[in-house]
Each structure stands twice: as C-alpha cells, then as structure tokens.
Amino acid sequence: MSNIEFNQIPNSIRFPGVYSEYDNKEAVTALPVNPQEVLIIAPQTAALASSSYSAPIKVYSDVEAANHFGAGSWAHLMVRQALKNNPNMNLTVVGLLDHSAGVAATGSATVTGTASTAGVLTLSIAGVKYPLAIAKGEEDKAIATRLSALINAQADSPIIATLSENFLWLKAKSKGELGNEIALSSSNTVTGVSVSLSAMVNGQQNPDITTALASVAGTHYNVIVSPFTDTDNANALKAHLEAVSAPTAKKPAIGVMAWRGTLATGTTFTSALNSERLTVAWYKGAVESNAMLAAGYAAVIASEEDPARPLNTLPIRGLALVNDAQIPTWAEYNQALFNGLTPLNIVNHRVQIMRAITTYTKSPTGVDDPSYLELGTIRSLDYGRKAIEQRLALRFGRSKLVKKKTPAKVRSEILDVMFKLEALEIWQNVAENKARLICVVNPQDDSRIDAEVPADVVKGLHVLATKVMLIS
C-alpha cells in the first residue's frame, strides 16, 4: 500500500487528537476554458507624457477608446471595428505615438461650379459617408466651406480638412504609411457642381511596434493585431510571437494582419513571413484600411473558442462591398490559399471568411509544407498544450520522482487529457496513437521527466467532391 503524503499534518505529532487537511490537487479533471485575450497595437493621437507608447488599457467600448487614444485615431477606429464583430471580447489596447520621422499622408478635394439644381454631394472617407445637402444656386466656395466644416465636425474622422477657397486639403491625423490607405470617393446628384479628388499619398514611416510589444511580453494575449504591413513591423510581430510562444515563455499567440492590395503583392508579403503564427486576411480593393480589416478579422477569430472549428462563412461586419472588378477569380482565390493569404469573399451581400490559413507554406529547408496550413492547427496545439500543462502543474506540483512509478502516473494524466480533447473533437485517434505517448526520466537530469505526446489535430471540412453517375 502506498504511503499517504500530508502537506500540513506532520508525522511527529504526539499530542492526542483527530486532525484533517484538504488537498485539491486532484479536484480538477475537466479541460480548461479557452477565453481569447486580444491585443491591438495601433497609433493614437492623444498626447503621452514621455513614452512613445501607452500602457496596456482594457477597453470595453469605442467611446472609451476615443477618450484614451484620441477620437479618429487608428486605435479608436480599430476598437470600434473589433467590437462591432465581437462585442463581448476581452480587448486590450496599446497606443503608439507617431514616429519622429513620420510624414502624414495628404490628399485633396476640389469643388467647382454653381449648383443649377438642388441635390446631395457625398464625400466618402475610408468607407464612411459625409453627405451634404446642396441648394440651387450655391457656389463652389460656399459648398467647400460647408464640406470642410462637416468633415472636421466629425471627431471620428481619420483626417482633418483645411479650406482654401474651393479647395480642401485633407491630412491624416496620424503620420505614417497607414494614412495612404484612407480611401477617398464621392457621389453627386447636383447638376452644375463637380468634385475632383486626389488620393491620400506620401504617408511615410509608420510607428515602430517593437518596444510596445516588449512592454507586454509578460502578459499572455492569444491574438495580437497589427495595423501595419511594412516589413519592419511585420518582422517585429513575427519575432515577438516566436518569443512569447516558446516553451519557456508559455504564452502562445497568433498575430493578425490584413492586405487590401493585389494577389501578387499579397503573396510576396506572406511568403517573406512564412510563419505558422501569422494570418493575413485578403480583401482585394477594400475601401477600408488594412488596420480595419485586421481588427474585424481578429475579432471573429477570437469569437470562436473551439480551436479546431473552421471559420468558413463567418462574416466580418463593417466592411463595404467592393465593386465587381475587384472580386478575384476562382483561380486567384485558390492561389491565395496556396500562398499564405486568407481570402475574404462576398456571399449574399456580406463579406465573410472563405478559409482561415496561416502564412506558413515552406519548411526550413524550403520544401512545400502544408502541416500548419490550417489556422486551427496551431490553435488546437496551443490549447492542447495549455490543457496538458495545467493538468501536470495541478497534479505534480510537489511530487517526488520515483523512477518506477512517477513516469507512469504522468503518462496516465496526459493520456486522460488527450481523451478529453478527443471528446471535444479537438484531437483525434487517441487510442490508436497512445502507444506513441512516451514518458521517461531524462538521462541527464534524474529530477526531470520527458514526455513525447502524439497530437492528431482535427481538421476542418473544406472540400466536398461528388461524382454524379448518369444511369438509365
């Protein structure tokens, strides 16, 4: 019979009495819950006392985000987009000040003519419409004056308008390349008046997210969202994910970005990343910026706590429909899925996820490698890792290592977790693979047990092929 080990009742008691203690190390037999903590790192317009980035702030509404980071800042707008897609999410935001070498993107709108009929002139900025009623006989300077006032009255606008007679100079509130993605368009029902637009250009030098990421490295976030797609920031996010997901750091995460450009430029971007912890949503020709696409996509990912369940058909709200000329062909969608881009497509007048994948396409030797194709694969491995680590920490926090007994006990606990993962259809074929579950005492450290755990992750069902045989 095994000895009973007490934590609080010593063997040296001689004082008569009945003594009891409680031990809860075997109380938990269920798998852990899987809440998704989301972190957005994005530019702010509100001033900071000294640092180039803010402290991490829990945010529950876009009003709070506007108060903390500045109305119309990318941090504010990304929070709004994220909460629109997942209002119950656990969201933290770190704001960034403009880079010291940053240049703000600029564009313009020129109003010409006199209205011969009444109507409505609408300027769209980043997909948000600014409608202006025009009276018959109203002249261009007066129209431009009221249009400028309309834009500046909207605190949530990402740009500021400066008036010069009938000319509006439009300037992004935040400096950097991100401002170049602020789309401008107009519609007009007024006869005799026209609007000429110049696209937002010349935004340069995004803020650097490296130090902001380092400041939160001690906190576990499951999903980290970056608005930037420049090479330096993308690589900084990749390096951070590799660091926090390491076995000793124990804070595995995925990073989310987006791409609104062409297939060719998008696949060039993702192929350079080639990471199983990065996913990039592709919505060609979107009027919204990459920042807004990424915020919405990340919120939808976080809404699904079952890591193995595919995200196919889930809508991303708050995105305008692109015109037909921008919709990719079947071949382009398929190539995107072979090159690390997650396509967003339009079905029944809504934008939705076609199939969520990672940017990992090649092994370290440069060979095609689909092992981490599915976004669900790395998420399922991370959850299985969490479940096993939790169980072992609970059961063996103060355990002795008896070579003939303890490895078998460890193996039994891991196997129990694996069967529970199978019951939730996250891992599978546990009975068939259990012979490959190995627990041994480390040959160089006899206070350590090493375990090799076979993980057959459940995949999503994406392709159904049928052959219809004509008979008579």
Protein backbone atom coordinates (compact mmCIF):
# COMPACT_ATOMS: atom_id res chain seq x y z
CA MET A 1 0.00 0.00 0.00
CA SER A 2 1.29 3.47 -0.90
CA ASN A 3 2.15 5.96 1.78
CA ILE A 4 -0.19 8.90 2.32
CA GLU A 5 1.66 12.20 1.97
CA PHE A 6 0.38 15.03 4.14
CA ASN A 7 1.03 18.69 3.36
CA GLN A 8 0.08 20.19 6.73
CA ILE A 9 -0.02 17.33 9.25
CA PRO A 10 3.50 16.26 10.29
CA ASN A 11 4.37 12.70 11.30
CA SER A 12 5.98 13.96 14.51
CA ILE A 13 2.69 14.73 16.32
CA ARG A 14 2.26 13.03 19.71
CA PHE A 15 -0.49 15.28 21.06
CA PRO A 16 -3.71 13.24 21.07
CA GLY A 17 -6.41 14.27 18.59
CA VAL A 18 -8.00 13.82 15.18
CA TYR A 19 -6.51 16.06 12.51
CA SER A 20 -7.72 16.76 8.95
CA GLU A 21 -6.38 18.67 5.97
CA TYR A 22 -7.69 19.33 2.48
CA ASP A 23 -5.91 18.60 -0.78
CA ASN A 24 -7.40 19.81 -4.07
CA LYS A 25 -4.63 18.75 -6.42
CA GLU A 26 -6.85 16.06 -7.98
CA ALA A 27 -10.08 18.07 -7.88
CA VAL A 28 -9.86 19.36 -11.45
CA THR A 29 -10.49 16.70 -14.08
CA ALA A 30 -12.07 18.86 -16.79
CA LEU A 31 -10.27 20.68 -19.56
CA PRO A 32 -9.61 24.39 -19.11
CA VAL A 33 -11.81 27.00 -20.71
CA ASN A 34 -10.35 28.82 -23.68
CA PRO A 35 -11.09 32.57 -23.44
CA GLN A 36 -9.32 34.62 -26.08
CA GLU A 37 -7.42 37.68 -24.93
CA VAL A 38 -6.94 40.13 -27.81
CA LEU A 39 -4.31 42.87 -28.01
CA ILE A 40 -4.45 45.72 -30.53
CA ILE A 41 -1.35 47.86 -31.00
CA ALA A 42 -2.15 50.95 -33.07
CA PRO A 43 -1.41 54.68 -33.47
CA GLN A 44 -3.05 57.15 -31.13
CA THR A 45 -3.46 60.91 -31.43
CA ALA A 46 -3.74 61.67 -27.72
CA ALA A 47 -0.52 63.00 -26.20
CA LEU A 48 1.70 60.95 -23.90
CA ALA A 49 3.90 62.33 -21.14
CA SER A 50 7.16 60.62 -22.03
CA SER A 51 6.99 57.19 -23.66
CA SER A 52 6.36 56.50 -27.35
CA TYR A 53 3.61 54.04 -26.44
CA SER A 54 0.86 53.86 -23.85
CA ALA A 55 0.37 51.40 -21.04
CA PRO A 56 -1.92 48.49 -21.97
CA ILE A 57 -5.53 49.51 -21.34
CA LYS A 58 -8.57 47.26 -21.14
CA VAL A 59 -11.25 48.67 -23.44
CA TYR A 60 -14.97 47.84 -23.49
CA SER A 61 -16.38 50.44 -25.90
CA ASP A 62 -15.27 52.67 -28.74
CA VAL A 63 -16.16 55.68 -26.56
CA GLU A 64 -13.56 54.57 -24.04
CA ALA A 65 -11.08 54.07 -26.88
CA ALA A 66 -11.73 57.59 -28.17
CA ASN A 67 -11.19 59.02 -24.70
CA HIS A 68 -7.96 57.11 -24.12
CA PHE A 69 -6.35 57.26 -27.55
CA GLY A 70 -8.00 60.17 -29.36
CA ALA A 71 -11.13 60.25 -31.50
CA GLY A 72 -10.40 59.28 -35.08
CA SER A 73 -7.10 57.64 -34.18
CA TRP A 74 -6.38 54.22 -35.63
CA ALA A 75 -6.52 52.75 -32.13
CA HIS A 76 -10.02 54.16 -31.69
CA LEU A 77 -11.28 53.06 -35.10
CA MET A 78 -9.83 49.56 -34.77
CA VAL A 79 -11.51 49.12 -31.39
CA ARG A 80 -14.82 50.16 -32.93
CA GLN A 81 -14.40 47.68 -35.76
CA ALA A 82 -13.35 44.87 -33.42
CA LEU A 83 -16.27 45.37 -31.03
CA LYS A 84 -18.66 45.53 -33.96
CA ASN A 85 -17.62 41.97 -34.78
CA ASN A 86 -17.27 40.64 -31.23
CA PRO A 87 -18.89 42.88 -28.61
CA ASN A 88 -18.07 40.52 -25.73
CA MET A 89 -14.37 40.16 -26.45
CA ASN A 90 -11.56 40.59 -23.94
CA LEU A 91 -9.75 43.51 -25.53
CA THR A 92 -6.59 45.36 -24.53
CA VAL A 93 -5.05 48.23 -26.49
CA VAL A 94 -1.59 49.77 -26.55
CA GLY A 95 -1.44 53.14 -28.30
CA LEU A 96 1.54 54.35 -30.31
CA LEU A 97 2.73 57.89 -30.91
CA ASP A 98 3.82 58.94 -34.39
CA HIS A 99 7.37 58.10 -35.39
CA SER A 100 9.74 61.03 -35.03
CA ALA A 101 10.48 60.76 -38.75
CA GLY A 102 6.86 60.18 -39.72
CA VAL A 103 5.11 62.07 -42.50
CA ALA A 104 1.32 62.38 -42.64
CA ALA A 105 -0.50 61.31 -45.80
CA THR A 106 -2.30 64.08 -47.66
CA GLY A 107 -4.97 64.31 -50.33
CA SER A 108 -7.39 66.91 -51.61
CA ALA A 109 -10.91 67.66 -52.78
CA THR A 110 -11.67 70.49 -55.19
CA VAL A 111 -15.25 71.69 -55.64
CA THR A 112 -16.07 73.57 -58.84
CA GLY A 113 -19.21 75.11 -60.34
CA THR A 114 -22.52 76.54 -59.24
CA ALA A 115 -25.50 74.32 -58.46
CA SER A 116 -28.19 74.59 -61.13
CA THR A 117 -30.31 72.06 -59.21
CA ALA A 118 -30.59 71.09 -55.58
CA GLY A 119 -29.16 67.74 -54.55
CA VAL A 120 -26.72 65.89 -52.32
CA LEU A 121 -22.95 65.79 -52.60
CA THR A 122 -21.39 62.92 -50.64
CA LEU A 123 -17.71 62.54 -49.83
CA SER A 124 -16.66 59.08 -48.61
CA ILE A 125 -13.59 58.83 -46.40
CA ALA A 126 -12.33 55.33 -45.59
CA GLY A 127 -15.79 53.96 -46.36
CA VAL A 128 -17.63 56.47 -44.14
CA LYS A 129 -20.02 58.80 -45.97
CA TYR A 130 -20.24 62.55 -45.37
CA PRO A 131 -23.43 63.72 -47.15
CA LEU A 132 -24.01 67.44 -47.74
CA ALA A 133 -27.30 68.92 -48.97
CA ILE A 134 -26.74 71.50 -51.72
CA ALA A 135 -29.22 74.27 -52.52
CA LYS A 136 -29.87 75.51 -56.03
CA GLY A 137 -27.60 78.43 -56.82
CA GLU A 138 -24.99 77.56 -54.19
CA GLU A 139 -21.44 78.29 -55.33
CA ASP A 140 -18.36 76.12 -55.05
CA LYS A 141 -16.65 78.19 -52.34
CA ALA A 142 -19.69 78.00 -50.09
CA ILE A 143 -20.04 74.28 -50.74
CA ALA A 144 -16.36 73.68 -49.97
CA THR A 145 -16.66 75.70 -46.76
CA ARG A 146 -19.58 73.64 -45.52
CA LEU A 147 -17.96 70.37 -46.62
CA SER A 148 -14.81 71.23 -44.67
CA ALA A 149 -16.89 72.05 -41.59
CA LEU A 150 -18.82 68.78 -41.96
CA ILE A 151 -15.62 66.71 -42.03
CA ASN A 152 -13.99 68.49 -39.11
CA ALA A 153 -17.17 68.30 -37.05
CA GLN A 154 -16.92 64.51 -37.13
CA ALA A 155 -14.37 63.75 -34.43
CA ASP A 156 -14.20 60.13 -35.57
CA SER A 157 -12.82 61.07 -38.99
CA PRO A 158 -9.23 59.89 -39.58
CA ILE A 159 -8.43 63.11 -41.46
CA ILE A 160 -8.52 66.87 -40.93
CA ALA A 161 -9.69 69.22 -43.68
CA THR A 162 -8.11 72.63 -44.28
CA LEU A 163 -10.02 75.07 -46.52
CA SER A 164 -8.63 77.39 -49.17
CA GLU A 165 -11.49 78.94 -51.18
CA ASN A 166 -12.95 75.95 -53.12
CA PHE A 167 -10.02 73.64 -52.31
CA LEU A 168 -9.88 71.22 -49.35
CA TRP A 169 -6.51 69.97 -48.23
CA LEU A 170 -7.01 66.63 -46.47
CA LYS A 171 -4.41 65.43 -43.98
CA ALA A 172 -4.30 62.19 -41.99
CA LYS A 173 -4.44 62.63 -38.22
CA SER A 174 -1.71 60.01 -37.75
CA LYS A 175 1.60 60.00 -39.57
CA GLY A 176 2.91 57.01 -41.49
CA GLU A 177 2.20 54.80 -44.46
CA LEU A 178 -1.09 53.71 -42.94
CA GLY A 179 -2.59 57.06 -43.96
CA ASN A 180 -2.09 56.18 -47.62
CA GLU A 181 -4.80 53.54 -47.17
CA ILE A 182 -7.52 56.11 -46.40
CA ALA A 183 -9.70 55.76 -49.49
CA LEU A 184 -11.48 58.81 -50.91
CA SER A 185 -14.52 58.74 -53.21
CA SER A 186 -17.55 60.88 -53.95
CA SER A 187 -21.06 60.77 -55.34
CA ASN A 188 -23.08 63.74 -56.53
CA THR A 189 -26.69 64.36 -57.57
CA VAL A 190 -26.19 68.10 -58.05
CA THR A 191 -26.18 69.45 -61.59
CA GLY A 192 -23.51 72.06 -62.29
CA VAL A 193 -21.18 71.07 -59.45
CA SER A 194 -18.28 68.63 -59.62
CA VAL A 195 -15.76 67.31 -57.13
CA SER A 196 -12.21 66.37 -58.07
CA LEU A 197 -10.35 64.14 -55.63
CA SER A 198 -6.65 63.44 -55.21
CA ALA A 199 -5.88 60.21 -53.35
CA MET A 200 -4.14 60.18 -49.98
CA VAL A 201 -0.41 59.81 -50.65
CA ASN A 202 3.06 60.42 -49.24
CA GLY A 203 2.43 59.00 -45.79
CA GLN A 204 5.78 57.70 -44.60
CA GLN A 205 7.40 55.92 -41.66
CA ASN A 206 4.90 54.01 -39.54
CA PRO A 207 5.49 53.88 -35.78
CA ASP A 208 7.71 51.03 -34.59
CA ILE A 209 5.82 48.39 -32.59
CA THR A 210 8.95 46.64 -31.25
CA THR A 211 9.23 48.36 -27.88
CA ALA A 212 5.47 48.36 -27.36
CA LEU A 213 5.40 44.60 -27.90
CA ALA A 214 8.31 44.15 -25.50
CA SER A 215 6.40 46.09 -22.84
CA VAL A 216 3.59 43.49 -22.82
CA ALA A 217 5.74 40.38 -23.26
CA GLY A 218 4.99 39.33 -19.70
CA THR A 219 1.24 39.12 -20.30
CA HIS A 220 -0.48 36.36 -22.24
CA TYR A 221 -2.54 37.51 -25.23
CA ASN A 222 -3.96 34.87 -27.56
CA VAL A 223 -4.45 37.18 -30.53
CA ILE A 224 -2.26 40.19 -31.34
CA VAL A 225 -3.44 42.60 -34.02
CA SER A 226 -1.16 44.89 -36.01
CA PRO A 227 -2.48 47.57 -38.38
CA PHE A 228 0.84 47.72 -40.23
CA THR A 229 2.08 45.76 -43.22
CA ASP A 230 5.50 47.32 -43.63
CA THR A 231 8.38 44.86 -43.48
CA ASP A 232 9.94 46.08 -40.24
CA ASN A 233 6.74 45.92 -38.19
CA ALA A 234 5.67 42.60 -39.70
CA ASN A 235 9.01 41.06 -38.78
CA ALA A 236 8.83 42.59 -35.30
CA LEU A 237 5.45 40.95 -34.75
CA LYS A 238 6.75 37.63 -36.04
CA ALA A 239 9.77 37.76 -33.72
CA HIS A 240 7.56 38.64 -30.75
CA LEU A 241 5.21 35.73 -31.44
CA GLU A 242 8.12 33.31 -31.66
CA ALA A 243 9.50 34.60 -28.36
CA VAL A 244 6.29 34.53 -26.31
CA SER A 245 5.21 31.18 -27.79
CA ALA A 246 8.47 29.47 -26.84
CA PRO A 247 8.25 26.55 -24.37
CA THR A 248 9.84 28.56 -21.56
CA ALA A 249 7.74 31.70 -22.15
CA LYS A 250 4.47 29.71 -22.18
CA LYS A 251 2.33 32.45 -23.75
CA PRO A 252 1.48 31.09 -27.23
CA ALA A 253 -0.27 33.53 -29.54
CA ILE A 254 -1.17 34.25 -33.13
CA GLY A 255 -0.70 37.53 -34.98
CA VAL A 256 -3.28 39.06 -37.30
CA MET A 257 -2.72 41.44 -40.20
CA ALA A 258 -4.56 42.19 -43.44
CA TRP A 259 -3.96 43.01 -47.10
CA ARG A 260 -6.15 45.03 -49.45
CA GLY A 261 -3.83 45.01 -52.45
CA THR A 262 -3.36 42.59 -55.31
CA LEU A 263 -2.75 38.87 -55.09
CA ALA A 264 0.81 39.27 -56.38
CA THR A 265 1.81 41.86 -53.78
CA GLY A 266 -0.03 39.99 -51.04
CA THR A 267 1.67 36.66 -51.68
CA THR A 268 5.03 38.41 -51.83
CA PHE A 269 4.29 39.79 -48.37
CA THR A 270 3.16 36.48 -46.85
CA SER A 271 5.92 34.39 -48.42
CA ALA A 272 8.51 36.56 -46.70
CA LEU A 273 6.82 35.92 -43.34
CA ASN A 274 6.23 32.15 -43.65
CA SER A 275 5.05 31.77 -40.06
CA GLU A 276 2.52 29.38 -38.57
CA ARG A 277 1.65 32.07 -36.02
CA LEU A 278 0.69 34.76 -38.51
CA THR A 279 -2.53 35.00 -40.50
CA VAL A 280 -3.27 37.69 -43.10
CA ALA A 281 -6.79 38.43 -44.33
CA TRP A 282 -7.03 39.39 -48.02
CA TYR A 283 -9.85 41.61 -49.27
CA LYS A 284 -8.77 42.99 -52.62
CA GLY A 285 -9.74 46.59 -53.34
CA ALA A 286 -11.26 47.26 -49.91
CA VAL A 287 -12.10 50.88 -49.17
CA GLU A 288 -11.22 50.22 -45.55
CA SER A 289 -7.58 50.18 -44.48
CA ASN A 290 -5.58 47.08 -43.61
CA ALA A 291 -5.97 48.16 -39.99
CA MET A 292 -9.76 47.88 -40.13
CA LEU A 293 -9.66 44.56 -41.98
CA ALA A 294 -7.26 43.11 -39.42
CA ALA A 295 -9.31 44.35 -36.44
CA GLY A 296 -12.51 42.78 -37.76
CA TYR A 297 -10.81 39.52 -38.74
CA ALA A 298 -9.09 39.18 -35.36
CA ALA A 299 -12.35 39.79 -33.51
CA VAL A 300 -14.04 36.99 -35.45
CA ILE A 301 -11.13 34.62 -34.72
CA ALA A 302 -11.41 35.42 -31.03
CA SER A 303 -15.16 34.77 -31.07
CA GLU A 304 -14.53 31.06 -31.75
CA GLU A 305 -13.18 29.39 -28.62
CA ASP A 306 -13.20 25.92 -30.19
CA PRO A 307 -9.73 26.00 -31.76
CA ALA A 308 -10.42 23.20 -34.24
CA ARG A 309 -13.65 24.58 -35.65
CA PRO A 310 -13.11 26.30 -39.02
CA LEU A 311 -14.05 29.94 -39.51
CA ASN A 312 -15.50 29.46 -43.00
CA THR A 313 -18.56 31.63 -43.79
CA LEU A 314 -18.26 33.79 -40.66
CA PRO A 315 -19.00 37.41 -41.63
CA ILE A 316 -16.75 40.37 -40.94
CA ARG A 317 -19.09 43.25 -40.28
CA GLY A 318 -18.42 46.87 -41.06
CA LEU A 319 -16.77 46.31 -44.45
CA ALA A 320 -18.12 47.81 -47.66
CA LEU A 321 -18.68 45.59 -50.68
CA VAL A 322 -16.02 46.06 -53.34
CA ASN A 323 -17.09 46.58 -56.93
CA ASP A 324 -17.23 43.60 -59.26
CA ALA A 325 -13.95 44.47 -60.96
CA GLN A 326 -12.11 43.84 -57.68
CA ILE A 327 -13.56 40.38 -56.98
CA PRO A 328 -10.86 37.72 -57.55
CA THR A 329 -11.38 34.74 -59.81
CA TRP A 330 -11.63 31.15 -58.55
CA ALA A 331 -8.02 30.61 -59.62
CA GLU A 332 -6.85 33.69 -57.69
CA TYR A 333 -8.66 32.58 -54.54
CA ASN A 334 -7.10 29.13 -54.87
CA GLN A 335 -3.63 30.57 -55.37
CA ALA A 336 -4.09 32.77 -52.31
CA LEU A 337 -4.79 29.63 -50.27
CA PHE A 338 -1.58 28.08 -51.57
CA ASN A 339 0.45 31.17 -50.68
CA GLY A 340 -0.50 32.13 -47.15
CA LEU A 341 -3.34 34.59 -47.76
CA THR A 342 -6.74 34.14 -46.10
CA PRO A 343 -9.36 35.25 -48.66
CA LEU A 344 -12.43 37.23 -47.71
CA ASN A 345 -15.24 36.84 -50.22
CA ILE A 346 -18.70 38.29 -50.76
CA VAL A 347 -21.69 35.99 -50.35
CA ASN A 348 -25.27 37.29 -50.18
CA HIS A 349 -24.05 40.88 -49.89
CA ARG A 350 -21.85 40.27 -46.88
CA VAL A 351 -18.09 39.95 -46.51
CA GLN A 352 -17.07 36.65 -44.95
CA ILE A 353 -14.07 34.43 -44.33
CA MET A 354 -13.54 31.88 -47.08
CA ARG A 355 -10.94 29.78 -45.25
CA ALA A 356 -8.59 30.86 -42.47
CA ILE A 357 -4.97 29.83 -43.02
CA THR A 358 -1.53 30.83 -41.77
CA THR A 359 1.35 32.29 -43.75
CA TYR A 360 3.39 29.10 -43.26
CA THR A 361 3.93 27.39 -46.62
CA LYS A 362 7.58 26.23 -46.63
CA SER A 363 9.69 24.11 -44.30
CA PRO A 364 13.06 25.46 -43.08
CA THR A 365 14.63 23.55 -45.97
CA GLY A 366 12.42 25.36 -48.50
CA VAL A 367 10.16 22.40 -49.23
CA ASP A 368 6.39 22.86 -49.61
CA ASP A 369 4.91 22.05 -46.20
CA PRO A 370 1.14 22.11 -45.52
CA SER A 371 1.45 20.94 -41.90
CA TYR A 372 0.49 24.35 -40.50
CA LEU A 373 -1.83 25.38 -43.34
CA GLU A 374 -4.96 25.50 -41.19
CA LEU A 375 -5.15 28.30 -38.64
CA GLY A 376 -6.97 25.80 -36.45
CA THR A 377 -3.93 23.53 -36.30
CA ILE A 378 -1.71 25.88 -34.31
CA ARG A 379 -4.66 26.99 -32.19
CA SER A 380 -5.53 23.36 -31.38
CA LEU A 381 -1.92 22.57 -30.48
CA ASP A 382 -1.77 25.63 -28.24
CA TYR A 383 -4.96 24.61 -26.47
CA GLY A 384 -3.79 21.01 -26.05
CA ARG A 385 -0.50 22.31 -24.65
CA LYS A 386 -2.41 24.51 -22.20
CA ALA A 387 -4.60 21.61 -21.06
CA ILE A 388 -1.67 19.25 -20.52
CA GLU A 389 0.44 21.84 -18.71
CA GLN A 390 -2.46 22.76 -16.44
CA ARG A 391 -3.11 19.12 -15.52
CA LEU A 392 0.54 18.33 -14.81
CA ALA A 393 1.01 21.51 -12.77
CA LEU A 394 -2.02 20.65 -10.64
CA ARG A 395 -1.12 17.00 -10.10
CA PHE A 396 2.65 17.11 -9.68
CA GLY A 397 3.42 20.47 -8.09
CA ARG A 398 5.14 18.81 -5.08
CA SER A 399 5.63 15.31 -6.39
CA LYS A 400 8.58 13.03 -5.78
CA LEU A 401 10.13 11.35 -8.79
CA VAL A 402 10.07 7.61 -8.20
CA LYS A 403 11.50 6.12 -11.37
CA LYS A 404 9.30 3.03 -11.33
CA LYS A 405 6.09 4.90 -10.55
CA THR A 406 6.08 8.60 -11.43
CA PRO A 407 6.59 8.43 -15.22
CA ALA A 408 3.60 6.08 -15.46
CA LYS A 409 1.49 8.48 -13.39
CA VAL A 410 2.48 11.39 -15.63
CA ARG A 411 1.65 9.35 -18.72
CA SER A 412 -1.74 8.44 -17.28
CA GLU A 413 -2.64 12.08 -16.66
CA ILE A 414 -1.53 13.17 -20.14
CA LEU A 415 -3.49 10.33 -21.71
CA ASP A 416 -6.60 11.36 -19.79
CA VAL A 417 -6.26 14.90 -21.13
CA MET A 418 -5.83 13.54 -24.65
CA PHE A 419 -9.03 11.51 -24.40
CA LYS A 420 -10.89 14.58 -23.19
CA LEU A 421 -9.51 16.57 -26.12
CA GLU A 422 -10.80 13.80 -28.37
CA ALA A 423 -14.22 14.00 -26.75
CA LEU A 424 -14.34 17.69 -27.70
CA GLU A 425 -13.20 16.80 -31.26
CA ILE A 426 -10.06 18.91 -30.98
CA TRP A 427 -7.61 15.98 -31.13
CA GLN A 428 -8.47 12.55 -32.53
CA ASN A 429 -7.38 8.89 -32.80
CA VAL A 430 -6.02 8.91 -29.26
CA ALA A 431 -6.45 5.17 -28.67
CA GLU A 432 -4.74 4.38 -31.96
CA ASN A 433 -1.82 6.68 -31.12
CA LYS A 434 -1.45 6.12 -27.38
CA ALA A 435 1.45 3.69 -27.88
CA ARG A 436 3.42 6.70 -29.11
CA LEU A 437 2.87 8.55 -25.83
CA ILE A 438 6.21 8.20 -24.06
CA CYS A 439 7.17 9.39 -20.57
CA VAL A 440 10.73 8.74 -19.41
CA VAL A 441 13.20 10.07 -16.86
CA ASN A 442 15.67 12.38 -18.53
CA PRO A 443 19.06 10.62 -18.89
CA GLN A 444 20.97 13.77 -17.92
CA ASP A 445 18.70 15.05 -15.14
CA ASP A 446 17.08 12.47 -12.89
CA SER A 447 14.74 15.09 -11.42
CA ARG A 448 13.06 15.61 -14.78
CA ILE A 449 10.52 13.59 -16.78
CA ASP A 450 10.37 13.97 -20.55
CA ALA A 451 7.17 13.25 -22.46
CA GLU A 452 6.51 12.86 -26.17
CA VAL A 453 2.83 13.43 -26.94
CA PRO A 454 1.26 12.41 -30.29
CA ALA A 455 -1.23 15.06 -31.41
CA ASP A 456 -3.57 14.22 -34.29
CA VAL A 457 -5.39 17.53 -34.64
CA VAL A 458 -8.92 17.56 -36.03
CA LYS A 459 -9.05 19.45 -39.33
CA GLY A 460 -11.88 21.49 -40.77
CA LEU A 461 -14.04 20.12 -43.57
CA HIS A 462 -13.39 22.38 -46.55
CA VAL A 463 -13.79 20.37 -49.75
CA LEU A 464 -16.60 18.01 -50.72
CA ALA A 465 -16.24 16.25 -54.05
CA THR A 466 -19.03 14.23 -55.64
CA LYS A 467 -19.21 12.30 -58.85
CA VAL A 468 -22.71 12.04 -60.25
CA MET A 469 -23.18 8.95 -62.43
CA LEU A 470 -25.84 9.17 -65.07
CA ILE A 471 -27.76 5.91 -65.24
CA SER A 472 -30.76 4.82 -67.25
